[in-house]
């Protein structure tokens, strides 16, 4: 019996390793049966869940009651939102995807009670982030030199008129730069954690080099999501003391975060559009003209508020914002917004976790989400104050910094639907349990 349990744990470990390894491989060709949202890692998750559910036979979730209650509340409210949808099939699919992420969170909390499992997950996420960063940087270099079709699959091309910077952003093995950056944020934090836990100076230098590679890759990806990443970095540097040149580095990262934060707010309201260039050959004169128009995000936010006013309690149903946007958009403001003009069908996601929840699940859904985030913030802060004097206290703070960074990033993307956001939450909870058991 003991040998069977040991073998089962080994299988779970292998499947968990495979899940995390396949997690960033979203831009690879897939069979049509998988659809657009189902990834290779999700197939691995099915086997992982079945083995854990039927073989392990233990359902112990070391979670605080406020987190359990808030999670239960948001699951129930989202169900009512789903049933209130105009298109039940679309909302059911999105609701099942949400339940999958909740189950993923509970499963990882149960598995990561083991210290070895926890360290393995940290290492795999860090290595995966390095690999995707190398692929992205390599594709960018090849694009600059050869502009091949192969490298374009790892870059995110936007028209010159839709971007201030006339270069493609990295998406690497992900489907969008935002997903790449947010995953790299967790990988970056895991790398810093590895440096913190390592005692071998050579391995520490290698890990530091890996962190630099990730930073270079996400910088090329330039997105509002970088604001949350640099907020996490600022918080980490605030408490980190065992590195050289700490004060200049802390100051540089903090200033960069402030610049990115201001830029993210400003460009979410107004953008320069369009840039028209005219050339008079006879007069040998080139004229550049600029006009201003609302950014796409401000229009989407206005539409979300209109939806919430019309359906204040449970919204229009999960996943329905994309398909119902055309009924709530202000075309008077949108007609000059180039990104909306590019999408003739107007099928665009909310580009915000908070406004998306407001539109699709109503004020009750948004409130339950904020209560959930507040529960994690409160329980983590309390546990950090009461934590044992061990190295895992600082590790938990690093994961907490990443979580806070995600909360800011949620203003610009739907972070609530990202698998790695829920993995960050499970690591945050598990680290507190490990600190208690090994302090």
Protein backbone atom coordinates (compact mmCIF):
# COMPACT_ATOMS: atom_id res chain seq x y z
CA UNK A 1 0.00 0.00 0.00
CA UNK A 2 2.81 2.38 0.89
CA UNK A 3 4.65 1.56 -2.35
CA UNK A 4 1.49 2.25 -4.38
CA UNK A 5 1.10 5.62 -2.70
CA UNK A 6 4.74 6.50 -3.40
CA UNK A 7 4.29 5.52 -7.04
CA UNK A 8 1.12 7.64 -7.26
CA UNK A 9 2.97 10.64 -5.85
CA UNK A 10 5.68 10.18 -8.48
CA UNK A 11 3.06 10.10 -11.23
CA UNK A 12 1.43 13.26 -9.83
CA UNK A 13 4.83 14.93 -9.75
CA UNK A 14 5.51 14.01 -13.40
CA UNK A 15 2.05 15.21 -14.51
CA UNK A 16 2.44 18.46 -12.59
CA UNK A 17 5.83 18.98 -14.24
CA UNK A 18 4.26 18.35 -17.65
CA UNK A 19 1.36 20.72 -16.93
CA UNK A 20 3.67 23.59 -16.01
CA UNK A 21 5.97 22.86 -18.95
CA UNK A 22 3.07 22.89 -21.45
CA UNK A 23 1.44 25.95 -19.83
CA UNK A 24 3.24 28.59 -21.94
CA UNK A 25 3.05 26.60 -25.19
CA UNK A 26 -0.15 28.27 -26.40
CA UNK A 27 1.01 29.36 -29.83
CA UNK A 28 1.74 25.87 -31.12
CA UNK A 29 -0.47 24.14 -33.74
CA UNK A 30 -3.35 22.19 -32.21
CA UNK A 31 -5.92 19.69 -33.49
CA UNK A 32 -9.18 21.38 -34.41
CA UNK A 33 -11.00 19.34 -31.77
CA UNK A 34 -9.22 21.25 -29.01
CA UNK A 35 -10.74 24.58 -30.03
CA UNK A 36 -9.14 27.94 -29.31
CA UNK A 37 -9.27 28.01 -25.50
CA UNK A 38 -8.26 24.46 -24.64
CA UNK A 39 -4.49 24.06 -24.44
CA UNK A 40 -2.14 21.08 -24.21
CA UNK A 41 -1.66 21.72 -20.48
CA UNK A 42 -5.41 21.34 -19.94
CA UNK A 43 -5.29 17.80 -21.31
CA UNK A 44 -2.55 16.99 -18.80
CA UNK A 45 -4.64 18.56 -16.05
CA UNK A 46 -7.48 16.08 -16.67
CA UNK A 47 -5.19 13.13 -15.92
CA UNK A 48 -3.64 14.96 -12.98
CA UNK A 49 -7.03 15.66 -11.45
CA UNK A 50 -8.36 12.13 -12.02
CA UNK A 51 -5.36 10.51 -10.32
CA UNK A 52 -5.45 12.92 -7.39
CA UNK A 53 -9.25 12.67 -6.98
CA UNK A 54 -9.66 8.89 -7.22
CA UNK A 55 -6.32 7.57 -5.97
CA UNK A 56 -5.17 9.93 -3.23
CA UNK A 57 -8.60 10.03 -1.57
CA UNK A 58 -7.74 12.99 0.68
CA UNK A 59 -9.47 16.32 0.34
CA UNK A 60 -7.56 18.58 2.66
CA UNK A 61 -7.44 22.24 1.63
CA UNK A 62 -5.45 24.31 4.13
CA UNK A 63 -7.30 27.56 3.33
CA UNK A 64 -8.57 30.24 5.63
CA UNK A 65 -12.35 30.45 5.97
CA UNK A 66 -12.65 33.93 4.47
CA UNK A 67 -10.98 32.73 1.25
CA UNK A 68 -13.18 29.61 1.08
CA UNK A 69 -16.36 31.64 1.65
CA UNK A 70 -15.44 34.34 -0.87
CA UNK A 71 -14.56 31.72 -3.49
CA UNK A 72 -17.85 29.94 -2.89
CA UNK A 73 -19.72 33.23 -3.17
CA UNK A 74 -18.16 34.18 -6.49
CA UNK A 75 -18.83 30.70 -7.91
CA UNK A 76 -22.54 30.96 -7.00
CA UNK A 77 -22.96 34.53 -8.26
CA UNK A 78 -21.23 33.70 -11.54
CA UNK A 79 -23.60 30.74 -11.93
CA UNK A 80 -26.64 33.05 -11.66
CA UNK A 81 -24.97 35.38 -14.14
CA UNK A 82 -24.48 32.46 -16.50
CA UNK A 83 -28.16 31.45 -16.24
CA UNK A 84 -29.16 35.08 -16.89
CA UNK A 85 -27.29 35.13 -20.22
CA UNK A 86 -28.93 35.78 -23.59
CA UNK A 87 -26.77 33.04 -25.07
CA UNK A 88 -26.66 30.23 -22.52
CA UNK A 89 -24.22 28.02 -24.47
CA UNK A 90 -21.54 30.74 -24.66
CA UNK A 91 -21.88 31.59 -20.97
CA UNK A 92 -21.86 27.93 -19.91
CA UNK A 93 -18.58 27.39 -21.76
CA UNK A 94 -17.04 30.42 -20.07
CA UNK A 95 -18.43 29.39 -16.68
CA UNK A 96 -16.95 25.89 -17.05
CA UNK A 97 -13.61 27.54 -17.85
CA UNK A 98 -13.89 29.60 -14.67
CA UNK A 99 -14.69 26.49 -12.62
CA UNK A 100 -11.65 24.80 -14.13
CA UNK A 101 -9.43 27.60 -12.81
CA UNK A 102 -11.00 27.35 -9.34
CA UNK A 103 -10.45 23.57 -9.31
CA UNK A 104 -6.85 24.14 -10.49
CA UNK A 105 -6.33 26.46 -7.53
CA UNK A 106 -7.73 23.96 -5.00
CA UNK A 107 -5.77 21.08 -6.53
CA UNK A 108 -2.46 22.95 -6.37
CA UNK A 109 -3.13 24.06 -2.78
CA UNK A 110 -3.63 20.40 -1.87
CA UNK A 111 -0.53 19.19 -3.76
CA UNK A 112 1.85 22.00 -2.80
CA UNK A 113 1.65 21.29 0.93
CA UNK A 114 4.77 19.25 0.24
CA UNK A 115 7.95 21.34 0.33
CA UNK A 116 9.60 19.40 -2.51
CA UNK A 117 6.57 19.92 -4.74
CA UNK A 118 6.59 23.63 -3.95
CA UNK A 119 10.27 24.01 -4.85
CA UNK A 120 9.74 21.99 -8.04
CA UNK A 121 6.92 24.26 -9.20
CA UNK A 122 9.03 27.37 -8.54
CA UNK A 123 11.90 25.92 -10.55
CA UNK A 124 9.79 24.77 -13.53
CA UNK A 125 7.98 28.11 -13.87
CA UNK A 126 11.31 29.94 -13.78
CA UNK A 127 12.85 27.65 -16.41
CA UNK A 128 9.75 27.83 -18.63
CA UNK A 129 9.86 31.60 -18.46
CA UNK A 130 13.52 31.62 -19.48
CA UNK A 131 12.80 29.29 -22.42
CA UNK A 132 9.89 31.38 -23.72
CA UNK A 133 11.98 34.54 -23.31
CA UNK A 134 14.86 33.06 -25.31
CA UNK A 135 12.44 31.97 -28.06
CA UNK A 136 10.94 35.45 -28.16
CA UNK A 137 14.28 37.28 -28.20
CA UNK A 138 15.61 34.90 -30.85
CA UNK A 139 12.52 35.48 -33.01
CA UNK A 140 12.90 39.24 -32.63
CA UNK A 141 16.55 39.11 -33.71
CA UNK A 142 15.66 36.98 -36.71
CA UNK A 143 12.83 39.39 -37.56
CA UNK A 144 15.26 42.30 -37.59
CA UNK A 145 17.67 40.41 -39.84
CA UNK A 146 15.42 38.29 -42.04
CA UNK A 147 11.72 38.88 -41.30
CA UNK A 148 10.81 35.23 -41.84
CA UNK A 149 7.34 33.72 -41.59
CA UNK A 150 8.53 31.36 -38.82
CA UNK A 151 9.59 34.18 -36.52
CA UNK A 152 6.31 36.05 -37.07
CA UNK A 153 4.46 33.29 -35.22
CA UNK A 154 6.32 34.28 -32.05
CA UNK A 155 5.81 38.02 -32.52
CA UNK A 156 2.67 40.11 -32.27
CA UNK A 157 2.25 42.25 -35.35
CA UNK A 158 0.08 45.36 -35.24
CA UNK A 159 -0.34 47.98 -37.97
CA UNK A 160 1.99 50.95 -37.67
CA UNK A 161 -1.01 53.26 -37.23
CA UNK A 162 -2.18 51.27 -34.20
CA UNK A 163 1.08 51.47 -32.31
CA UNK A 164 3.44 54.29 -31.37
CA UNK A 165 6.42 51.95 -31.72
CA UNK A 166 6.86 50.63 -35.30
CA UNK A 167 8.06 47.20 -34.20
CA UNK A 168 6.20 43.98 -33.35
CA UNK A 169 5.85 43.01 -29.70
CA UNK A 170 6.89 39.65 -28.36
CA UNK A 171 4.21 37.11 -27.61
CA UNK A 172 6.72 34.22 -27.81
CA UNK A 173 4.81 30.96 -27.32
CA UNK A 174 1.68 32.77 -26.07
CA UNK A 175 -1.21 34.16 -28.09
CA UNK A 176 -0.72 37.77 -26.95
CA UNK A 177 2.03 39.98 -25.47
CA UNK A 178 -0.08 40.55 -22.34
CA UNK A 179 -0.24 36.83 -21.59
CA UNK A 180 3.50 36.53 -22.18
CA UNK A 181 4.30 39.45 -19.86
CA UNK A 182 2.01 38.28 -17.06
CA UNK A 183 3.42 34.76 -17.20
CA UNK A 184 6.95 36.18 -17.26
CA UNK A 185 6.10 38.20 -14.16
CA UNK A 186 5.47 34.99 -12.23
CA UNK A 187 8.59 33.45 -13.78
CA UNK A 188 10.61 36.51 -12.80
CA UNK A 189 9.43 36.29 -9.19
CA UNK A 190 10.13 32.54 -9.13
CA UNK A 191 13.66 33.33 -10.35
CA UNK A 192 14.18 35.81 -7.52
CA UNK A 193 12.86 33.19 -5.11
CA UNK A 194 15.37 30.66 -6.47
CA UNK A 195 18.18 33.18 -5.92
CA UNK A 196 16.93 33.69 -2.36
CA UNK A 197 16.85 29.95 -1.59
CA UNK A 198 20.17 29.05 -3.26
CA UNK A 199 23.40 28.88 -1.32
CA UNK A 200 25.70 27.96 -4.24
CA UNK A 201 27.18 31.24 -5.64
CA UNK A 202 27.53 29.83 -9.18
CA UNK A 203 23.88 28.76 -9.29
CA UNK A 204 22.86 32.13 -7.92
CA UNK A 205 24.72 33.90 -10.74
CA UNK A 206 23.08 31.65 -13.34
CA UNK A 207 19.65 32.36 -11.86
CA UNK A 208 20.40 36.09 -11.89
CA UNK A 209 21.35 35.83 -15.57
CA UNK A 210 18.02 34.07 -16.22
CA UNK A 211 16.19 36.94 -14.52
CA UNK A 212 17.98 39.42 -16.82
CA UNK A 213 16.92 37.43 -19.90
CA UNK A 214 13.28 37.56 -18.79
CA UNK A 215 13.51 41.31 -18.16
CA UNK A 216 14.94 41.91 -21.63
CA UNK A 217 12.18 39.87 -23.26
CA UNK A 218 9.29 41.57 -21.44
CA UNK A 219 10.78 44.99 -22.18
CA UNK A 220 10.62 44.26 -25.91
CA UNK A 221 6.98 43.25 -25.49
CA UNK A 222 6.05 46.74 -24.27
CA UNK A 223 2.52 46.70 -22.90
CA UNK A 224 0.45 48.19 -20.09
CA UNK A 225 0.94 44.85 -18.36
CA UNK A 226 4.52 45.93 -17.61
CA UNK A 227 3.08 48.38 -15.08
CA UNK A 228 2.03 45.55 -12.78
CA UNK A 229 5.31 43.72 -13.32
CA UNK A 230 7.40 46.72 -12.26
CA UNK A 231 5.11 47.34 -9.29
CA UNK A 232 5.90 43.79 -8.14
CA UNK A 233 9.62 44.43 -8.72
CA UNK A 234 9.44 47.68 -6.73
CA UNK A 235 7.87 45.91 -3.76
CA UNK A 236 10.45 43.12 -3.90
CA UNK A 237 13.38 45.55 -4.01
CA UNK A 238 11.83 47.42 -1.10
CA UNK A 239 12.58 44.51 1.25
CA UNK A 240 15.51 42.85 -0.52
CA UNK A 241 18.83 43.71 1.10
CA UNK A 242 21.44 41.17 0.02
CA UNK A 243 22.32 42.57 -3.44
CA UNK A 244 24.85 45.15 -4.58
CA UNK A 245 23.84 48.60 -5.83
CA UNK A 246 20.47 48.21 -4.10
CA UNK A 247 19.60 51.90 -3.74
CA UNK A 248 20.25 52.92 -7.41
CA UNK A 249 18.42 49.79 -8.62
CA UNK A 250 15.48 50.41 -6.29
CA UNK A 251 15.29 54.04 -7.42
CA UNK A 252 15.50 53.12 -11.13
CA UNK A 253 12.77 50.46 -10.92
CA UNK A 254 10.49 52.74 -8.87
CA UNK A 255 10.89 55.62 -11.34
CA UNK A 256 10.23 53.26 -14.26
CA UNK A 257 7.08 52.00 -12.55
CA UNK A 258 5.81 55.57 -12.01
CA UNK A 259 6.47 56.45 -15.66
CA UNK A 260 4.71 53.31 -16.89
CA UNK A 261 1.80 53.88 -14.51
CA UNK A 262 1.27 57.46 -15.69
CA UNK A 263 1.64 56.42 -19.33
CA UNK A 264 -0.85 53.57 -18.87
CA UNK A 265 -3.45 55.95 -17.42
CA UNK A 266 -2.93 58.63 -20.06
CA UNK A 267 -2.97 56.27 -23.02
CA UNK A 268 -6.10 54.59 -21.68
CA UNK A 269 -7.92 57.92 -22.16
CA UNK A 270 -6.38 59.56 -25.23
CA UNK A 271 -4.10 58.38 -28.00
CA UNK A 272 -2.49 60.10 -30.97
CA UNK A 273 -4.53 59.22 -34.04
CA UNK A 274 -4.09 59.22 -36.91
CA UNK A 275 -0.58 60.10 -37.98
CA UNK A 276 -0.93 61.41 -41.53
CA UNK A 277 2.14 62.15 -43.62
CA UNK A 278 1.90 64.15 -46.84
CA UNK A 279 4.75 64.95 -49.21
CA UNK A 280 4.85 67.78 -51.77
CA UNK A 281 7.55 66.85 -54.26
CA UNK A 282 7.52 70.24 -56.01
CA UNK A 283 7.90 72.19 -52.80
CA UNK A 284 10.18 69.49 -51.31
CA UNK A 285 8.07 69.65 -48.19
CA UNK A 286 6.86 66.80 -45.93
CA UNK A 287 4.02 67.52 -43.50
CA UNK A 288 3.13 65.41 -40.46
CA UNK A 289 -0.33 65.94 -38.94
CA UNK A 290 -1.72 64.57 -35.67
CA UNK A 291 -5.24 64.28 -34.26
CA UNK A 292 -6.55 62.88 -31.00
CA UNK A 293 -9.27 60.34 -30.34
CA UNK A 294 -10.45 58.17 -27.45
CA UNK A 295 -8.49 55.02 -26.82
CA UNK A 296 -10.28 51.72 -27.27
CA UNK A 297 -10.16 50.95 -23.53
CA UNK A 298 -12.04 54.09 -22.53
CA UNK A 299 -14.82 53.21 -24.97
CA UNK A 300 -14.99 49.63 -23.70
CA UNK A 301 -15.18 50.87 -20.11
CA UNK A 302 -18.06 53.22 -21.00
CA UNK A 303 -19.87 50.30 -22.63
CA UNK A 304 -19.35 48.16 -19.50
CA UNK A 305 -20.91 50.88 -17.32
CA UNK A 306 -23.92 51.12 -19.66
CA UNK A 307 -24.41 47.36 -19.44
CA UNK A 308 -24.17 47.43 -15.64
CA UNK A 309 -26.76 50.20 -15.41
CA UNK A 310 -29.14 48.19 -17.59
CA UNK A 311 -28.45 44.85 -15.82
CA UNK A 312 -27.07 45.79 -12.40
CA UNK A 313 -27.37 42.53 -10.49
CA UNK A 314 -25.94 39.66 -12.59
CA UNK A 315 -24.87 41.40 -15.80
CA UNK A 316 -25.33 39.99 -19.30
CA UNK A 317 -23.64 36.63 -18.65
CA UNK A 318 -20.07 35.39 -18.65
CA UNK A 319 -18.29 35.76 -21.97
CA UNK A 320 -21.11 37.85 -23.47
CA UNK A 321 -19.39 41.26 -23.46
CA UNK A 322 -17.55 40.44 -26.68
CA UNK A 323 -20.76 39.63 -28.53
CA UNK A 324 -23.03 42.28 -26.99
CA UNK A 325 -20.60 45.22 -27.23
CA UNK A 326 -22.13 46.52 -30.47
CA UNK A 327 -25.43 47.14 -28.64
CA UNK A 328 -23.84 49.38 -26.00
CA UNK A 329 -20.96 51.16 -27.72
CA UNK A 330 -20.97 54.90 -28.36
CA UNK A 331 -20.24 55.02 -32.09
CA UNK A 332 -19.95 58.80 -31.97
CA UNK A 333 -16.79 58.44 -29.90
CA UNK A 334 -15.66 55.18 -31.48
CA UNK A 335 -15.72 56.19 -35.13
CA UNK A 336 -12.20 57.67 -35.00
CA UNK A 337 -10.72 54.94 -32.81
CA UNK A 338 -8.57 52.93 -35.12
CA UNK A 339 -8.48 49.66 -33.16
CA UNK A 340 -12.26 49.50 -33.17
CA UNK A 341 -12.36 50.36 -36.87
CA UNK A 342 -10.01 47.44 -37.47
CA UNK A 343 -12.54 45.07 -35.84
CA UNK A 344 -15.56 45.46 -38.10
CA UNK A 345 -17.61 42.94 -36.17
CA UNK A 346 -16.82 44.78 -32.90
CA UNK A 347 -16.10 41.50 -31.12
CA UNK A 348 -13.59 42.73 -28.55
CA UNK A 349 -13.08 41.55 -24.97
CA UNK A 350 -13.36 44.09 -22.11
CA UNK A 351 -9.57 44.55 -21.74
CA UNK A 352 -10.09 44.87 -17.98
CA UNK A 353 -10.80 42.34 -15.26
CA UNK A 354 -12.86 44.79 -13.25
CA UNK A 355 -14.96 46.34 -16.03
CA UNK A 356 -15.38 42.90 -17.60
CA UNK A 357 -16.76 41.52 -14.34
CA UNK A 358 -19.01 44.57 -13.97
CA UNK A 359 -20.54 44.04 -17.41
CA UNK A 360 -20.76 40.24 -17.44
CA UNK A 361 -21.60 39.48 -13.79
CA UNK A 362 -23.02 42.81 -12.61
CA UNK A 363 -22.31 44.69 -9.41
CA UNK A 364 -22.74 41.49 -7.39
CA UNK A 365 -20.11 39.70 -9.47
CA UNK A 366 -17.65 42.59 -9.27
CA UNK A 367 -18.22 42.90 -5.51
CA UNK A 368 -17.63 39.18 -4.96
CA UNK A 369 -14.40 39.41 -6.96
CA UNK A 370 -13.18 42.37 -4.93
CA UNK A 371 -14.09 40.54 -1.71
CA UNK A 372 -12.03 37.56 -2.91
CA UNK A 373 -9.03 39.77 -3.66
CA UNK A 374 -9.48 41.51 -0.32
CA UNK A 375 -9.57 38.15 1.48
CA UNK A 376 -6.23 37.17 -0.06
CA UNK A 377 -4.71 40.55 0.78
CA UNK A 378 -5.92 40.46 4.38
CA UNK A 379 -4.95 36.84 5.09
CA UNK A 380 -1.51 37.28 3.50
CA UNK A 381 -0.70 40.48 5.40
CA UNK A 382 -1.77 38.87 8.68
CA UNK A 383 0.22 35.71 7.98
CA UNK A 384 3.31 37.77 7.07
CA UNK A 385 3.10 39.53 10.42
CA UNK A 386 2.66 36.23 12.27
CA UNK A 387 5.05 34.15 10.12
CA UNK A 388 7.83 32.14 11.66
CA UNK A 389 11.38 33.51 11.40
CA UNK A 390 12.25 31.48 8.33
CA UNK A 391 13.35 32.11 4.76
CA UNK A 392 9.88 31.23 3.52
CA UNK A 393 8.49 34.41 5.06
CA UNK A 394 10.40 36.52 2.53
CA UNK A 395 9.46 34.06 -0.23
CA UNK A 396 5.80 34.59 0.60
CA UNK A 397 6.29 38.34 0.42
CA UNK A 398 7.72 37.98 -3.10
CA UNK A 399 4.67 35.99 -4.20
CA UNK A 400 2.47 38.58 -2.48
CA UNK A 401 4.24 41.32 -4.46
CA UNK A 402 3.47 39.45 -7.67
CA UNK A 403 -0.19 39.16 -6.62
CA UNK A 404 -0.39 42.92 -5.97
CA UNK A 405 1.19 43.51 -9.37
CA UNK A 406 -1.48 41.33 -10.97
CA UNK A 407 -4.21 43.38 -9.27
CA UNK A 408 -2.86 46.48 -11.04
CA UNK A 409 -2.45 44.63 -14.34
CA UNK A 410 -6.11 43.61 -14.02
CA UNK A 411 -7.00 47.21 -14.94
CA UNK A 412 -5.69 46.56 -18.46
CA UNK A 413 -6.27 42.83 -19.15
CA UNK A 414 -8.53 40.01 -17.94
CA UNK A 415 -6.01 38.55 -15.50
CA UNK A 416 -8.77 36.57 -13.76
CA UNK A 417 -8.93 34.22 -16.77
CA UNK A 418 -5.17 33.49 -16.83
CA UNK A 419 -4.04 30.14 -15.47
CA UNK A 420 -0.78 31.53 -14.10
CA UNK A 421 -2.68 34.08 -11.97
CA UNK A 422 -4.39 31.21 -10.13
CA UNK A 423 -1.05 29.39 -9.86
CA UNK A 424 0.35 32.51 -8.19
CA UNK A 425 -2.53 32.40 -5.70
CA UNK A 426 -1.94 28.72 -4.93
CA UNK A 427 1.79 29.32 -4.40
CA UNK A 428 0.96 32.24 -2.11
CA UNK A 429 -1.32 30.09 0.06
CA UNK A 430 1.01 27.07 -0.01
CA UNK A 431 4.04 29.12 1.01
CA UNK A 432 2.25 30.17 4.18
CA UNK A 433 1.45 26.55 4.99
CA UNK A 434 5.07 25.52 4.36
CA UNK A 435 6.33 28.37 6.55
CA UNK A 436 4.06 27.21 9.37
CA UNK A 437 5.15 23.58 9.06
CA UNK A 438 8.89 24.26 8.53
CA UNK A 439 9.45 27.47 10.44
